[in-house]
């Protein structure tokens, strides 16, 4: 039988793994994207980097909260396989749409 403190440590380790994976994934996804370029330009133009940082951080936290809440709601109603399939179809559709838009230029 496992000691209660061992179970608590395993749970904490699992949470840190989820946190670390989430941080690295989102950090790499956001690095160099249009949000970062926009905040760079806004900071340079306004000469108020901490105000821009605060506004951008609040916006990113809010959009992340919305994503988490919608994800939690969806996960209680739709199977993971269906969510994976739907996400794949949406990404394929967006890729095709962007490709066609670039081809028209």
C-alpha atoms as a PDB file:
ATOM      1  CA  UNK A   1       0.000   0.000   0.000  1.00  0.00           C
ATOM      2  CA  UNK A   2       1.195   3.531  -0.802  1.00  0.00           C
ATOM      3  CA  UNK A   3       1.644   6.114   1.915  1.00  0.00           C
ATOM      4  CA  UNK A   4      -0.679   9.180   1.734  1.00  0.00           C
ATOM      5  CA  UNK A   5       2.279  11.559   1.456  1.00  0.00           C
ATOM      6  CA  UNK A   6       3.535   9.591  -1.559  1.00  0.00           C
ATOM      7  CA  UNK A   7       0.146   9.946  -3.257  1.00  0.00           C
ATOM      8  CA  UNK A   8       0.127  13.687  -2.585  1.00  0.00           C
ATOM      9  CA  UNK A   9       3.627  14.021  -4.076  1.00  0.00           C
ATOM     10  CA  UNK A  10       2.609  12.076  -7.206  1.00  0.00           C
ATOM     11  CA  UNK A  11      -0.418  14.362  -7.643  1.00  0.00           C
ATOM     12  CA  UNK A  12       1.726  17.476  -7.229  1.00  0.00           C
ATOM     13  CA  UNK A  13       4.307  16.129  -9.690  1.00  0.00           C
ATOM     14  CA  UNK A  14       1.556  15.406 -12.196  1.00  0.00           C
ATOM     15  CA  UNK A  15       0.218  18.939 -11.855  1.00  0.00           C
ATOM     16  CA  UNK A  16       3.688  20.411 -12.367  1.00  0.00           C
ATOM     17  CA  UNK A  17       4.118  18.260 -15.500  1.00  0.00           C
ATOM     18  CA  UNK A  18       0.830  19.603 -16.891  1.00  0.00           C
ATOM     19  CA  UNK A  19       1.858  23.147 -15.975  1.00  0.00           C
ATOM     20  CA  UNK A  20       5.293  22.753 -17.567  1.00  0.00           C
ATOM     21  CA  UNK A  21       3.913  21.201 -20.743  1.00  0.00           C
ATOM     22  CA  UNK A  22       1.283  23.922 -21.032  1.00  0.00           C
ATOM     23  CA  UNK A  23       3.811  26.702 -20.421  1.00  0.00           C
ATOM     24  CA  UNK A  24       6.305  25.400 -22.983  1.00  0.00           C
ATOM     25  CA  UNK A  25       3.629  24.733 -25.612  1.00  0.00           C
ATOM     26  CA  UNK A  26       1.977  28.144 -25.289  1.00  0.00           C
ATOM     27  CA  UNK A  27       5.306  29.967 -24.970  1.00  0.00           C
ATOM     28  CA  UNK A  28       6.642  28.417 -28.176  1.00  0.00           C
ATOM     29  CA  UNK A  29       3.341  28.924 -30.007  1.00  0.00           C
ATOM     30  CA  UNK A  30       3.205  32.608 -29.063  1.00  0.00           C
ATOM     31  CA  UNK A  31       6.894  33.340 -29.650  1.00  0.00           C
ATOM     32  CA  UNK A  32       7.228  35.583 -32.695  1.00  0.00           C
ATOM     33  CA  UNK A  33       3.533  35.588 -33.543  1.00  0.00           C
ATOM     34  CA  UNK A  34       1.415  38.608 -34.396  1.00  0.00           C
ATOM     35  CA  UNK A  35       0.567  39.240 -30.722  1.00  0.00           C
ATOM     36  CA  UNK A  36       4.232  39.620 -29.841  1.00  0.00           C
ATOM     37  CA  UNK A  37       4.865  41.861 -32.840  1.00  0.00           C
ATOM     38  CA  UNK A  38       1.823  43.979 -31.945  1.00  0.00           C
ATOM     39  CA  UNK A  39       2.973  44.433 -28.341  1.00  0.00           C
ATOM     40  CA  UNK A  40       6.471  45.277 -29.539  1.00  0.00           C
ATOM     41  CA  UNK A  41       5.113  47.983 -31.837  1.00  0.00           C
ATOM     42  CA  UNK A  42       2.666  49.323 -29.251  1.00  0.00           C
ATOM     43  CA  UNK A  43       5.411  49.513 -26.636  1.00  0.00           C
ATOM     44  CA  UNK A  44       7.753  51.347 -29.000  1.00  0.00           C
ATOM     45  CA  UNK A  45       5.019  53.766 -30.090  1.00  0.00           C
ATOM     46  CA  UNK A  46       3.555  54.525 -26.663  1.00  0.00           C
ATOM     47  CA  UNK A  47       6.844  54.688 -24.725  1.00  0.00           C
ATOM     48  CA  UNK A  48       4.899  53.000 -21.903  1.00  0.00           C
ATOM     49  CA  UNK A  49       6.203  49.418 -21.924  1.00  0.00           C
ATOM     50  CA  UNK A  50       4.780  48.434 -18.532  1.00  0.00           C
ATOM     51  CA  UNK A  51       1.290  49.641 -19.433  1.00  0.00           C
ATOM     52  CA  UNK A  52       1.478  47.721 -22.724  1.00  0.00           C
ATOM     53  CA  UNK A  53       2.754  44.654 -20.846  1.00  0.00           C
ATOM     54  CA  UNK A  54      -0.080  44.871 -18.321  1.00  0.00           C
ATOM     55  CA  UNK A  55      -2.730  45.249 -21.023  1.00  0.00           C
ATOM     56  CA  UNK A  56      -1.288  42.433 -23.147  1.00  0.00           C
ATOM     57  CA  UNK A  57      -0.903  40.131 -20.136  1.00  0.00           C
ATOM     58  CA  UNK A  58      -4.501  40.775 -19.046  1.00  0.00           C
ATOM     59  CA  UNK A  59      -5.742  40.070 -22.580  1.00  0.00           C
ATOM     60  CA  UNK A  60      -3.755  36.823 -22.849  1.00  0.00           C
ATOM     61  CA  UNK A  61      -4.916  35.665 -19.419  1.00  0.00           C
ATOM     62  CA  UNK A  62      -8.529  36.415 -20.377  1.00  0.00           C
ATOM     63  CA  UNK A  63      -8.340  34.546 -23.685  1.00  0.00           C
ATOM     64  CA  UNK A  64      -6.624  31.630 -21.936  1.00  0.00           C
ATOM     65  CA  UNK A  65      -9.379  31.576 -19.311  1.00  0.00           C
ATOM     66  CA  UNK A  66     -11.996  31.455 -22.053  1.00  0.00           C
ATOM     67  CA  UNK A  67     -10.144  28.595 -23.736  1.00  0.00           C
ATOM     68  CA  UNK A  68      -9.912  26.637 -20.485  1.00  0.00           C
ATOM     69  CA  UNK A  69     -13.580  27.179 -19.623  1.00  0.00           C
ATOM     70  CA  UNK A  70     -14.793  26.230 -23.102  1.00  0.00           C
ATOM     71  CA  UNK A  71     -12.433  23.231 -23.116  1.00  0.00           C
ATOM     72  CA  UNK A  72     -13.735  22.076 -19.742  1.00  0.00           C
ATOM     73  CA  UNK A  73     -17.334  22.500 -20.901  1.00  0.00           C
ATOM     74  CA  UNK A  74     -16.670  20.624 -24.162  1.00  0.00           C
ATOM     75  CA  UNK A  75     -14.802  17.793 -22.441  1.00  0.00           C
ATOM     76  CA  UNK A  76     -17.836  17.071 -20.282  1.00  0.00           C
ATOM     77  CA  UNK A  77     -20.068  16.763 -23.359  1.00  0.00           C
ATOM     78  CA  UNK A  78     -17.893  15.433 -26.198  1.00  0.00           C
ATOM     79  CA  UNK A  79     -15.459  12.505 -26.305  1.00  0.00           C
ATOM     80  CA  UNK A  80     -11.714  13.226 -26.668  1.00  0.00           C
ATOM     81  CA  UNK A  81     -11.658  11.388 -30.020  1.00  0.00           C
ATOM     82  CA  UNK A  82     -14.440  13.624 -31.365  1.00  0.00           C
ATOM     83  CA  UNK A  83     -12.616  16.741 -30.111  1.00  0.00           C
ATOM     84  CA  UNK A  84      -9.385  15.597 -31.804  1.00  0.00           C
ATOM     85  CA  UNK A  85     -11.223  14.926 -35.064  1.00  0.00           C
ATOM     86  CA  UNK A  86     -13.059  18.269 -34.953  1.00  0.00           C
ATOM     87  CA  UNK A  87      -9.824  20.150 -34.201  1.00  0.00           C
ATOM     88  CA  UNK A  88      -8.055  18.386 -37.083  1.00  0.00           C
ATOM     89  CA  UNK A  89     -10.858  19.207 -39.511  1.00  0.00           C
ATOM     90  CA  UNK A  90     -10.909  22.868 -38.405  1.00  0.00           C
ATOM     91  CA  UNK A  91      -7.125  23.193 -38.745  1.00  0.00           C
ATOM     92  CA  UNK A  92      -7.200  21.536 -42.184  1.00  0.00           C
ATOM     93  CA  UNK A  93     -10.002  23.900 -43.258  1.00  0.00           C
ATOM     94  CA  UNK A  94      -8.114  26.975 -41.985  1.00  0.00           C
ATOM     95  CA  UNK A  95      -4.921  25.808 -43.701  1.00  0.00           C
ATOM     96  CA  UNK A  96      -6.749  25.338 -46.987  1.00  0.00           C
ATOM     97  CA  UNK A  97      -8.455  28.722 -46.611  1.00  0.00           C
ATOM     98  CA  UNK A  98      -5.134  30.487 -45.936  1.00  0.00           C
ATOM     99  CA  UNK A  99      -3.455  28.642 -48.811  1.00  0.00           C
ATOM    100  CA  UNK A 100      -6.200  29.691 -51.243  1.00  0.00           C
ATOM    101  CA  UNK A 101      -6.030  33.269 -49.946  1.00  0.00           C
ATOM    102  CA  UNK A 102      -2.266  33.371 -50.560  1.00  0.00           C
ATOM    103  CA  UNK A 103      -2.692  31.912 -54.044  1.00  0.00           C
ATOM    104  CA  UNK A 104      -5.107  34.732 -54.964  1.00  0.00           C
ATOM    105  CA  UNK A 105      -2.519  37.401 -54.119  1.00  0.00           C
END
